[in-house]
Amino acid sequence: MKKDKIAVLIPCYNEAKTIEKVIKDFKKNLPEATIYVYDNNSTDDTSMISKNAGAIVRHEYRQGKGNVIRTMFREIDADCYLMVDGDDTYPAENAKEMCEYVLNGRADMVIGDRLSSTYFTENKRPFHNFGNRLVRTLINKIFKNEIKDIMTGYRAFSYDFVKGFPVLSKGFEIETEMTIHAVDKNFKIVEIPVKYQDRPAGSVSKLNTFSDGFKVLKTIITLFKEYRPSLFFNLIAFVFFLLGVFIGLPAYIGYFQTKEVLKFPSLIVSCFSFTISLLSWATGTILQVLVKKDKQNYELYMNELYQHKKD
């Protein structure tokens, strides 16, 4: 399969109102790029308009942005991948700079940072603003980073990142998964502030504030458990240890005062809590060893990928 220098990837679902402008803008700013539009079961004229505008149109029939990106990453080979939404909310003017970071080897993932620019003034959905802040705070605290925009749909990637990224998410939580993977695997990350503009009139967002928001939070918790199991299970162990002390303290004090156990139910629940605490600690310790081994295997895989790319 032919390898592109730059591949612009546009996942689309019912973006007939905006997709032509998006394609033309990126053609103008990245004339050397090949533009791919992946239609995710649109019921409007997204595919036809995209093809007429000069994009290569392909289809992903499993609904969900994560499913689209999984297929994109598998099917397309490029030195640099630029991912952007088809809703005309991201400026094409930043595209060349973002791609240059990747092509020059200075970044494996370039993040188009909306939140440091115009997002909070342009976006008219207050719960989206709150959700972006919440996700950013949680991930930066858990994974000890300072990434400013976790959920942006405007990113550039290296070949190594794309071919080494195991896509697990099916929907809009994919951006959160990408960010955590890049941080955990120590990829080179660069952030560039970009001007975000809200959707034009008549263009409707496919993101459900509450259901997709809960999916993102669930993804964060799941990835927290999988990427940092020691901290995750140690927190659980600490909670149950405190619970055991709080519930059992009256029974222990009574025993030392009277040499008799006067509150058997409290003592039983306390011992049960201590047992869960110990098991949680042991689980986190064992899983952390497995995570370390997985990271070692991942580094070996990336070495093989690099060697294959050289050959």
Foldseek 3Di string as FASTA:
>chain_A
DDAAAEEEEEEDAAQVPFQLVVLVQLCVQCVRYAYEYEYAPHPDCNQVSCVVSPHHYHYDPQDAPLSSLLVVLVPHHHQKYKFDYRQPFFHSNCVVVQRVCSNVPNFQKEAAAAQVACCVVADPDVLVVVLQVVLQVLCCVLLVHNDRGQQHRTMMGGNLLSVLQDRDDGHSLRSNSSVSVCSLLVTRYHYDYTHTHDGDPPDDDPDDSPPVSVVNVVVSLVVSCQSQVQVVLLVLLVVLQVVLCVLCVVQVVVCVVPVDRPDVVSNVSSVVSNVSSVVSNVVSVVSVVVNVVVSVVSVVVSVVVVVVVVD
